[in-house]
Protein backbone atom coordinates (compact mmCIF):
# COMPACT_ATOMS: atom_id res chain seq x y z
CA ALA A 1 19.55 1.10 -17.74
CA ALA A 2 21.17 2.27 -20.98
CA ARG A 3 24.48 0.61 -20.15
CA ALA A 4 22.80 -2.61 -19.05
CA LEU A 5 20.88 -2.72 -22.34
CA GLU A 6 24.12 -2.17 -24.28
CA LEU A 7 25.55 -5.23 -22.56
CA ASP A 8 22.36 -7.28 -22.82
CA PRO A 9 19.56 -5.94 -25.05
CA ALA A 10 17.10 -8.43 -23.48
CA ASN A 11 17.82 -7.41 -19.87
CA SER A 12 14.33 -7.24 -18.37
CA ASP A 13 15.43 -5.29 -15.28
CA ALA A 14 16.99 -2.60 -17.44
CA GLU A 15 13.90 -2.39 -19.63
CA VAL A 16 11.67 -2.04 -16.56
CA ALA A 17 13.98 0.60 -15.09
CA ARG A 18 13.94 2.61 -18.28
CA ALA A 19 10.15 2.39 -18.62
CA THR A 20 9.55 3.37 -15.00
CA LEU A 21 11.85 6.40 -15.12
CA ILE A 22 9.05 8.32 -16.81
CA PRO A 23 7.17 10.16 -14.05
CA PHE A 24 3.61 8.83 -13.97
CA TYR A 25 1.93 12.05 -12.91
CA GLY A 26 0.82 13.96 -15.99
CA ASN A 27 2.51 11.42 -18.28
CA TRP A 28 0.19 8.47 -17.80
CA ALA A 29 -0.32 7.69 -21.49
CA GLN A 30 3.38 7.85 -22.30
CA ALA A 31 4.33 5.84 -19.20
CA GLU A 32 1.69 3.23 -20.00
CA ALA A 33 2.83 2.95 -23.62
CA GLU A 34 6.42 2.36 -22.49
CA MET A 35 5.36 -0.16 -19.87
CA ARG A 36 3.17 -2.04 -22.33
CA LYS A 37 6.20 -2.45 -24.63
CA VAL A 38 8.10 -4.05 -21.78
CA TYR A 39 5.02 -6.05 -20.74
CA ARG A 40 4.86 -7.75 -24.12
CA ARG A 41 8.42 -9.07 -23.62
CA HIS A 42 8.69 -9.44 -19.84
CA PRO A 43 5.24 -9.41 -18.19
CA GLN A 44 6.37 -10.78 -14.83
CA ALA A 45 9.05 -8.13 -14.49
CA ILE A 46 6.66 -5.18 -14.74
CA GLU A 47 3.36 -6.42 -13.22
CA PHE A 48 3.65 -4.34 -10.03
CA HIS A 49 4.53 -1.15 -11.92
CA MET A 50 1.62 -1.67 -14.29
CA ALA A 51 -0.68 -2.10 -11.29
CA ARG A 52 0.53 1.17 -9.76
CA LEU A 53 0.08 3.10 -12.98
CA LEU A 54 -3.38 1.68 -13.67
CA ALA A 55 -4.48 2.38 -10.10
CA GLN A 56 -3.35 5.99 -10.44
CA THR A 57 -5.56 6.35 -13.50
CA GLY A 58 -8.60 4.87 -11.72
CA ARG A 59 -8.54 1.56 -13.53
CA LEU A 60 -8.85 -0.59 -10.41
CA ARG A 61 -10.07 -3.77 -12.09
CA GLU A 62 -7.06 -3.83 -14.42
CA ALA A 63 -4.73 -2.78 -11.60
CA LEU A 64 -6.01 -5.62 -9.41
CA GLY A 65 -5.21 -8.18 -12.11
CA HIS A 66 -1.63 -6.96 -12.39
CA ALA A 67 -1.18 -6.64 -8.61
CA GLY A 68 -2.54 -10.16 -8.08
CA ARG A 69 -0.13 -11.57 -10.65
CA ALA A 70 2.78 -9.62 -9.14
CA VAL A 71 2.04 -11.17 -5.74
CA ALA A 72 1.56 -14.64 -7.25
CA ASN A 73 4.88 -14.32 -9.10
CA ASP A 74 6.76 -13.17 -6.00
CA PRO A 75 4.81 -13.48 -2.73
CA GLU A 76 7.85 -12.49 -0.69
CA VAL A 77 7.57 -8.74 -1.33
CA PRO A 78 5.57 -7.22 1.55
CA ARG A 79 4.90 -3.94 -0.22
CA TRP A 80 3.22 -5.78 -3.09
CA LEU A 81 0.90 -7.63 -0.71
CA ASN A 82 0.16 -4.33 0.99
CA PHE A 83 -0.62 -2.68 -2.34
CA LEU A 84 -2.89 -5.56 -3.32
CA GLY A 85 -4.73 -5.20 0.00
CA ALA A 86 -5.11 -1.46 -0.52
CA LEU A 87 -6.45 -1.96 -4.07
CA LEU A 88 -8.94 -4.54 -2.86
CA TRP A 89 -10.01 -2.12 -0.13
CA ASP A 90 -10.40 0.68 -2.69
CA ALA A 91 -12.48 -1.63 -4.86
CA GLY A 92 -14.80 -2.40 -1.93
CA ARG A 93 -13.66 -6.01 -1.71
CA LEU A 94 -13.19 -5.81 2.05
CA GLU A 95 -12.97 -9.51 2.92
CA GLU A 96 -10.29 -10.07 0.31
CA ALA A 97 -8.44 -6.93 1.45
CA GLU A 98 -8.47 -8.15 5.03
CA ARG A 99 -7.13 -11.55 3.97
CA SER A 100 -4.34 -9.84 2.04
CA PHE A 101 -3.33 -7.70 5.03
CA ASP A 102 -3.59 -10.69 7.39
CA THR A 103 -1.53 -12.93 5.10
CA ALA A 104 1.16 -10.29 4.84
CA LEU A 105 1.20 -9.54 8.58
CA ALA A 106 1.43 -13.26 9.38
CA ARG A 107 4.71 -13.25 7.46
CA TRP A 108 5.96 -9.80 8.48
CA PRO A 109 4.15 -8.94 11.74
CA ARG A 110 6.10 -5.74 12.41
CA HIS A 111 6.34 -4.36 8.88
CA VAL A 112 5.58 -0.67 9.25
CA LEU A 113 3.55 -0.17 6.07
CA LEU A 114 1.49 -3.32 6.58
CA TRP A 115 0.88 -2.55 10.25
CA PHE A 116 -0.33 1.01 9.68
CA ASN A 117 -2.54 0.06 6.74
CA ARG A 118 -4.07 -2.80 8.73
CA PHE A 119 -4.81 -0.39 11.59
CA GLU A 120 -6.40 2.15 9.21
CA PHE A 121 -8.36 -0.63 7.52
CA LEU A 122 -9.86 -1.75 10.83
CA ALA A 123 -10.57 1.79 12.02
CA SER A 124 -12.08 2.90 8.71
CA THR A 125 -14.24 -0.13 8.01
CA GLY A 126 -16.40 0.15 11.10
CA ARG A 127 -14.18 -1.72 13.55
CA PRO A 128 -12.41 0.96 15.58
CA ARG A 129 -12.40 -1.24 18.70
CA ALA A 130 -10.56 -3.94 16.76
CA ALA A 131 -8.06 -1.28 15.67
CA ILE A 132 -7.57 -0.25 19.30
CA ALA A 133 -6.97 -3.88 20.31
CA PHE A 134 -4.56 -4.29 17.38
CA ALA A 135 -2.57 -1.23 18.50
CA ALA A 136 -2.57 -2.43 22.12
CA ASP A 137 -0.45 -5.45 21.16
CA HIS A 138 2.92 -3.77 21.81
CA GLY A 139 4.82 -6.92 20.86
CA ARG A 140 3.57 -6.75 17.28
CA ARG A 141 4.00 -3.04 16.68
CA PRO A 142 6.62 -1.90 14.18
CA THR A 143 9.88 -0.91 15.83
CA GLY A 144 11.39 2.56 15.71
CA ILE A 145 8.05 4.39 15.78
CA PRO A 146 7.54 6.79 18.70
CA ASP A 147 4.82 5.73 21.16
CA ARG A 148 3.17 9.11 20.59
CA ARG A 149 2.28 8.06 17.03
CA PHE A 150 0.44 5.00 18.32
CA GLU A 151 -1.28 7.09 21.00
CA LEU A 152 -2.61 9.50 18.35
CA MET A 153 -3.85 6.67 16.17
CA THR A 154 -5.55 5.01 19.11
CA ALA A 155 -7.18 8.33 20.06
CA LYS A 156 -8.55 8.54 16.52
CA ALA A 157 -9.96 5.01 16.77
CA ARG A 158 -11.51 5.78 20.17
CA ALA A 159 -13.14 8.86 18.65
CA LEU A 160 -14.55 6.76 15.83
CA ALA A 161 -15.81 4.20 18.34
CA SER A 162 -17.58 6.76 20.53
CA GLY A 163 -18.81 9.16 17.85
CA ALA A 164 -18.92 11.96 20.44
CA ALA A 165 -17.96 15.38 19.07
CA THR A 166 -15.53 16.07 21.93
CA ASP A 167 -13.81 12.74 21.37
CA ILE A 168 -13.41 13.60 17.69
CA THR A 169 -12.13 17.18 18.01
CA ARG A 170 -9.48 16.34 20.65
CA PRO A 171 -7.39 13.91 18.50
CA VAL A 172 -7.79 16.15 15.45
CA GLY A 173 -6.33 19.04 17.46
CA GLU A 174 -3.52 16.84 18.75
CA VAL A 175 -2.61 15.68 15.26
CA ASN A 176 -2.76 19.24 13.93
CA ALA A 177 -0.45 20.36 16.73
CA THR A 178 2.20 17.91 15.46
CA LEU A 179 2.16 19.32 11.91
CA PRO A 180 4.89 21.75 10.83
CA LYS A 181 3.79 25.37 10.77
């Protein structure tokens, strides 16, 4: 970043890189101050990073504005659409969140982050059977993920669908068995 700014003091990518090198955690005010400096000169270049920082500080309404503009400025970044969907979900705007996930998955049907968040969204918003059906479509699953991962997720959704204590404790035990000890 420093070298790029020596060559071109108005290099927006270098300014964004420098501003985002500050770890957010525990440094939110400093990170935000640096990002706001860049935002005044190059708002489009730092929208997504501003959204992430604001979301981490619980400022969802502001974060949503930045995330929405980031997606509008460059709708071809799947992780930005995913983040927008997650923010909308966090804000309780479920229909908009679902549209965001669906729009993104229509473009990138096997994107791992989008797929898993869409599954969790369905399972966690009262539609575990829809999540099970979503996972059953093997042709749209992300590649390179072991089948066992999908089996565990489906077991979780089945447990949510049934509500029976035995159905709930079994997948929890299976997931716990996969964790490092």
